[in-house]
């Protein structure tokens, strides 16, 4: 017969009782950085290509949307390289260690 702590650890491994915040990111930071760079490169290429096309009216919506996507992907890329904030970098207090 399994002990109580074994049952609890199996429930924790299944993830049914854990909050989503404790699981960590779905995609690791290195992969996110790669995806952000690829997205910036792709949207920049589309932006340049649509800017050189004639007639301009035909490609204007794609040019506009790729420009907005470039801004969004650039902000995402920038946020991935930001240093950790002082609040998240500080060591846990005694009360937080007792809970954990």
N, C-alpha and C. Protein backbone atom coordinates (compact mmCIF):
# COMPACT_ATOMS: atom_id res chain seq x y z
N UNK A 1 0.85 -1.18 0.00
CA UNK A 1 0.00 0.00 0.00
C UNK A 1 0.89 1.24 0.00
N UNK A 2 0.65 2.21 -0.91
CA UNK A 2 1.50 3.41 -0.99
C UNK A 2 1.29 4.33 0.20
N UNK A 3 2.37 4.95 0.57
CA UNK A 3 2.30 5.90 1.68
C UNK A 3 1.64 7.19 1.21
N UNK A 4 1.25 8.02 2.17
CA UNK A 4 0.57 9.28 1.88
C UNK A 4 1.47 10.22 1.08
N UNK A 5 2.77 10.32 1.42
CA UNK A 5 3.65 11.21 0.69
C UNK A 5 3.88 10.74 -0.74
N UNK A 6 3.81 9.43 -0.99
CA UNK A 6 3.92 8.92 -2.35
C UNK A 6 2.70 9.31 -3.17
N UNK A 7 1.53 9.26 -2.55
CA UNK A 7 0.31 9.67 -3.25
C UNK A 7 0.35 11.15 -3.58
N UNK A 8 0.82 11.97 -2.65
CA UNK A 8 0.90 13.40 -2.90
C UNK A 8 1.88 13.71 -4.02
N UNK A 9 3.01 13.03 -4.04
CA UNK A 9 3.98 13.31 -5.09
C UNK A 9 3.46 12.87 -6.45
N UNK A 10 2.66 11.80 -6.50
CA UNK A 10 2.10 11.38 -7.79
C UNK A 10 1.05 12.38 -8.27
N UNK A 11 0.30 12.97 -7.35
CA UNK A 11 -0.69 13.98 -7.72
C UNK A 11 0.03 15.23 -8.21
N UNK A 12 1.14 15.60 -7.57
CA UNK A 12 1.88 16.77 -7.99
C UNK A 12 2.51 16.55 -9.36
N UNK A 13 2.98 15.35 -9.64
CA UNK A 13 3.58 15.08 -10.94
C UNK A 13 2.55 15.14 -12.06
N UNK A 14 1.33 14.74 -11.78
CA UNK A 14 0.30 14.77 -12.81
C UNK A 14 -0.10 16.20 -13.15
N UNK A 15 0.13 17.14 -12.23
CA UNK A 15 -0.14 18.53 -12.50
C UNK A 15 -1.59 18.94 -12.27
N UNK A 16 -2.40 18.05 -11.74
CA UNK A 16 -3.81 18.38 -11.58
C UNK A 16 -4.04 19.39 -10.47
N UNK A 17 -3.19 19.41 -9.48
CA UNK A 17 -3.41 20.33 -8.36
C UNK A 17 -2.44 21.51 -8.37
N UNK A 18 -1.49 21.51 -9.25
CA UNK A 18 -0.54 22.62 -9.33
C UNK A 18 -1.14 23.77 -10.11
N UNK A 19 -0.78 24.97 -9.70
CA UNK A 19 -1.22 26.13 -10.47
C UNK A 19 -0.36 26.25 -11.72
N UNK A 20 -0.88 26.82 -12.80
CA UNK A 20 -0.11 26.96 -14.03
C UNK A 20 1.13 27.82 -13.89
N UNK A 21 1.16 28.73 -12.94
CA UNK A 21 2.30 29.61 -12.75
C UNK A 21 3.53 28.85 -12.28
N UNK A 22 3.36 27.76 -11.53
CA UNK A 22 4.49 27.03 -11.00
C UNK A 22 5.12 26.09 -12.02
N UNK A 23 4.48 25.85 -13.12
CA UNK A 23 4.98 24.91 -14.12
C UNK A 23 6.10 25.51 -14.96
N UNK A 24 6.18 26.81 -15.06
CA UNK A 24 7.20 27.44 -15.89
C UNK A 24 6.66 27.72 -17.28
N UNK A 25 7.50 28.32 -18.10
CA UNK A 25 7.04 28.68 -19.45
C UNK A 25 6.83 27.44 -20.32
N UNK A 26 5.92 27.56 -21.27
CA UNK A 26 5.65 26.47 -22.20
C UNK A 26 6.85 26.23 -23.11
N UNK A 27 7.48 27.31 -23.53
CA UNK A 27 8.64 27.24 -24.41
C UNK A 27 9.81 27.88 -23.67
N UNK A 28 10.97 27.22 -23.67
CA UNK A 28 12.12 27.76 -22.97
C UNK A 28 12.60 29.07 -23.61
N UNK A 29 13.38 29.81 -22.86
CA UNK A 29 13.80 31.15 -23.28
C UNK A 29 14.63 31.11 -24.56
N UNK A 30 15.49 30.13 -24.69
CA UNK A 30 16.33 30.06 -25.90
C UNK A 30 15.47 29.88 -27.14
N UNK A 31 14.47 29.02 -27.07
CA UNK A 31 13.58 28.80 -28.21
C UNK A 31 12.75 30.06 -28.50
N UNK A 32 12.31 30.75 -27.45
CA UNK A 32 11.56 31.99 -27.64
C UNK A 32 12.41 33.04 -28.33
N UNK A 33 13.67 33.13 -27.95
CA UNK A 33 14.57 34.10 -28.59
C UNK A 33 14.75 33.77 -30.07
N UNK A 34 14.90 32.49 -30.37
CA UNK A 34 15.05 32.07 -31.76
C UNK A 34 13.80 32.39 -32.56
N UNK A 35 12.63 32.10 -32.00
CA UNK A 35 11.37 32.38 -32.70
C UNK A 35 11.18 33.88 -32.90
N UNK A 36 11.54 34.67 -31.90
CA UNK A 36 11.40 36.12 -32.02
C UNK A 36 12.30 36.66 -33.11
N UNK A 37 13.54 36.18 -33.17
CA UNK A 37 14.47 36.63 -34.21
C UNK A 37 13.97 36.24 -35.59
N UNK A 38 13.49 35.01 -35.72
CA UNK A 38 12.97 34.56 -37.01
C UNK A 38 11.75 35.37 -37.43
N UNK A 39 10.88 35.68 -36.48
CA UNK A 39 9.71 36.49 -36.78
C UNK A 39 10.06 37.90 -37.22
N UNK A 40 11.03 38.50 -36.53
CA UNK A 40 11.49 39.84 -36.91
C UNK A 40 12.08 39.81 -38.31
N UNK A 41 12.89 38.81 -38.59
CA UNK A 41 13.51 38.71 -39.91
C UNK A 41 12.45 38.52 -41.01
N UNK A 42 11.47 37.66 -40.76
CA UNK A 42 10.43 37.40 -41.76
C UNK A 42 9.58 38.65 -42.01
N UNK A 43 9.14 39.31 -40.94
CA UNK A 43 8.30 40.49 -41.13
C UNK A 43 9.07 41.64 -41.76
N UNK A 44 10.35 41.75 -41.44
CA UNK A 44 11.17 42.78 -42.07
C UNK A 44 11.31 42.52 -43.58
N UNK A 45 11.49 41.25 -43.92
CA UNK A 45 11.56 40.89 -45.33
C UNK A 45 10.27 41.19 -46.07
N UNK A 46 9.14 40.86 -45.46
CA UNK A 46 7.84 41.14 -46.08
C UNK A 46 7.63 42.64 -46.20
N UNK A 47 8.04 43.38 -45.18
CA UNK A 47 7.88 44.83 -45.20
C UNK A 47 8.69 45.46 -46.34
N UNK A 48 9.91 45.02 -46.51
CA UNK A 48 10.75 45.55 -47.59
C UNK A 48 10.17 45.15 -48.94
N UNK A 49 9.78 43.89 -49.08
CA UNK A 49 9.26 43.40 -50.36
C UNK A 49 7.97 44.13 -50.76
N UNK A 50 7.04 44.29 -49.80
CA UNK A 50 5.79 44.97 -50.13
C UNK A 50 6.01 46.46 -50.37
N UNK A 51 7.06 47.03 -49.79
CA UNK A 51 7.36 48.44 -50.03
C UNK A 51 7.87 48.70 -51.44
N UNK A 52 8.43 47.69 -52.08
CA UNK A 52 8.97 47.87 -53.43
C UNK A 52 8.01 47.43 -54.54
N UNK A 53 6.88 46.86 -54.18
CA UNK A 53 5.96 46.33 -55.20
C UNK A 53 5.12 47.43 -55.84
N UNK A 54 4.75 47.19 -57.07
CA UNK A 54 3.82 48.05 -57.80
C UNK A 54 2.67 47.19 -58.27
N UNK A 55 1.48 47.55 -58.26
CA UNK A 55 0.86 48.78 -57.73
C UNK A 55 0.82 48.75 -56.20
N UNK A 56 1.03 49.87 -55.61
CA UNK A 56 1.10 49.98 -54.15
C UNK A 56 -0.22 49.65 -53.46
N UNK A 57 -1.34 50.02 -54.09
CA UNK A 57 -2.64 49.79 -53.46
C UNK A 57 -2.88 48.31 -53.16
N UNK A 58 -2.41 47.47 -54.04
CA UNK A 58 -2.64 46.03 -53.89
C UNK A 58 -1.93 45.47 -52.65
N UNK A 59 -0.74 45.97 -52.35
CA UNK A 59 0.07 45.43 -51.25
C UNK A 59 0.01 46.27 -49.98
N UNK A 60 -0.74 47.36 -49.99
CA UNK A 60 -0.79 48.25 -48.83
C UNK A 60 -1.29 47.56 -47.55
N UNK A 61 -2.36 46.76 -47.57
CA UNK A 61 -2.78 46.09 -46.33
C UNK A 61 -1.71 45.14 -45.78
N UNK A 62 -1.07 44.36 -46.64
CA UNK A 62 -0.02 43.46 -46.19
C UNK A 62 1.17 44.25 -45.64
N UNK A 63 1.49 45.34 -46.26
CA UNK A 63 2.59 46.19 -45.80
C UNK A 63 2.28 46.76 -44.41
N UNK A 64 1.05 47.21 -44.23
CA UNK A 64 0.64 47.77 -42.94
C UNK A 64 0.67 46.72 -41.84
N UNK A 65 0.08 45.55 -42.11
CA UNK A 65 0.04 44.48 -41.10
C UNK A 65 1.43 43.95 -40.78
N UNK A 66 2.29 43.86 -41.77
CA UNK A 66 3.64 43.38 -41.48
C UNK A 66 4.42 44.42 -40.67
N UNK A 67 4.15 45.69 -40.88
CA UNK A 67 4.78 46.73 -40.06
C UNK A 67 4.35 46.64 -38.60
N UNK A 68 3.06 46.39 -38.38
CA UNK A 68 2.58 46.24 -37.00
C UNK A 68 3.13 44.97 -36.36
N UNK A 69 3.22 43.90 -37.14
CA UNK A 69 3.80 42.66 -36.63
C UNK A 69 5.26 42.85 -36.28
N UNK A 70 5.97 43.62 -37.10
CA UNK A 70 7.38 43.90 -36.83
C UNK A 70 7.55 44.62 -35.50
N UNK A 71 6.69 45.58 -35.24
CA UNK A 71 6.76 46.30 -33.96
C UNK A 71 6.50 45.35 -32.79
N UNK A 72 5.46 44.52 -32.92
CA UNK A 72 5.14 43.58 -31.85
C UNK A 72 6.24 42.56 -31.61
N UNK A 73 6.78 42.00 -32.68
CA UNK A 73 7.85 41.01 -32.54
C UNK A 73 9.14 41.64 -32.02
N UNK A 74 9.38 42.88 -32.38
CA UNK A 74 10.56 43.58 -31.87
C UNK A 74 10.43 43.80 -30.36
N UNK A 75 9.25 44.17 -29.91
CA UNK A 75 9.04 44.34 -28.46
C UNK A 75 9.18 43.02 -27.73
N UNK A 76 8.67 41.95 -28.32
CA UNK A 76 8.80 40.63 -27.71
C UNK A 76 10.29 40.25 -27.63
N UNK A 77 11.01 40.45 -28.71
CA UNK A 77 12.44 40.13 -28.75
C UNK A 77 13.19 40.95 -27.71
N UNK A 78 12.87 42.22 -27.61
CA UNK A 78 13.51 43.10 -26.64
C UNK A 78 13.23 42.63 -25.21
N UNK A 79 11.99 42.21 -24.94
CA UNK A 79 11.63 41.79 -23.58
C UNK A 79 12.34 40.50 -23.17
N UNK A 80 12.71 39.67 -24.13
CA UNK A 80 13.40 38.43 -23.80
C UNK A 80 14.84 38.66 -23.36
N UNK A 81 15.41 39.79 -23.69
CA UNK A 81 16.78 40.10 -23.32
C UNK A 81 16.87 41.07 -22.15
N UNK A 82 15.74 41.44 -21.57
CA UNK A 82 15.75 42.35 -20.41
C UNK A 82 16.30 41.60 -19.20
N UNK A 83 17.11 42.28 -18.37
CA UNK A 83 17.59 41.62 -17.16
C UNK A 83 16.44 41.41 -16.19
N UNK A 84 16.60 40.44 -15.32
CA UNK A 84 15.57 40.18 -14.32
C UNK A 84 15.41 41.39 -13.42
N UNK A 85 14.19 41.65 -12.99
CA UNK A 85 13.95 42.81 -12.14
C UNK A 85 14.54 42.56 -10.75
N UNK A 86 14.75 43.63 -10.02
CA UNK A 86 15.33 43.53 -8.68
C UNK A 86 14.41 42.74 -7.76
N UNK A 87 13.11 42.85 -7.97
CA UNK A 87 12.16 42.15 -7.11
C UNK A 87 12.27 40.64 -7.29
N UNK A 88 12.38 40.17 -8.52
CA UNK A 88 12.45 38.73 -8.73
C UNK A 88 13.85 38.18 -8.47
N UNK A 89 14.88 39.04 -8.45
CA UNK A 89 16.24 38.59 -8.24
C UNK A 89 16.61 38.51 -6.76
N UNK A 90 15.81 39.15 -5.90
CA UNK A 90 16.16 39.16 -4.48
C UNK A 90 15.92 37.78 -3.87
N UNK A 91 16.68 37.41 -2.84
CA UNK A 91 16.49 36.11 -2.20
C UNK A 91 15.17 36.07 -1.45
N UNK A 92 14.64 34.88 -1.25
CA UNK A 92 13.36 34.72 -0.56
C UNK A 92 13.51 35.09 0.91
N UNK A 93 12.45 35.70 1.46
CA UNK A 93 12.47 36.05 2.88
C UNK A 93 12.22 34.80 3.71
N UNK A 94 12.40 34.92 5.03
CA UNK A 94 12.22 33.77 5.91
C UNK A 94 10.79 33.24 5.84
N UNK A 95 9.82 34.14 5.73
CA UNK A 95 8.42 33.71 5.64
C UNK A 95 8.13 32.96 4.36
N UNK A 96 8.73 33.39 3.25
CA UNK A 96 8.53 32.71 1.98
C UNK A 96 9.20 31.34 1.97
N UNK A 97 10.36 31.23 2.64
CA UNK A 97 11.05 29.93 2.71
C UNK A 97 10.25 28.94 3.54
N UNK A 98 9.57 29.43 4.62
CA UNK A 98 8.80 28.54 5.48
C UNK A 98 7.60 27.97 4.73
N UNK A 99 7.01 28.78 3.83
CA UNK A 99 5.86 28.31 3.06
C UNK A 99 6.27 27.27 2.05
N UNK A 100 7.41 27.48 1.40
CA UNK A 100 7.84 26.73 0.26
C UNK A 100 8.16 25.32 0.46
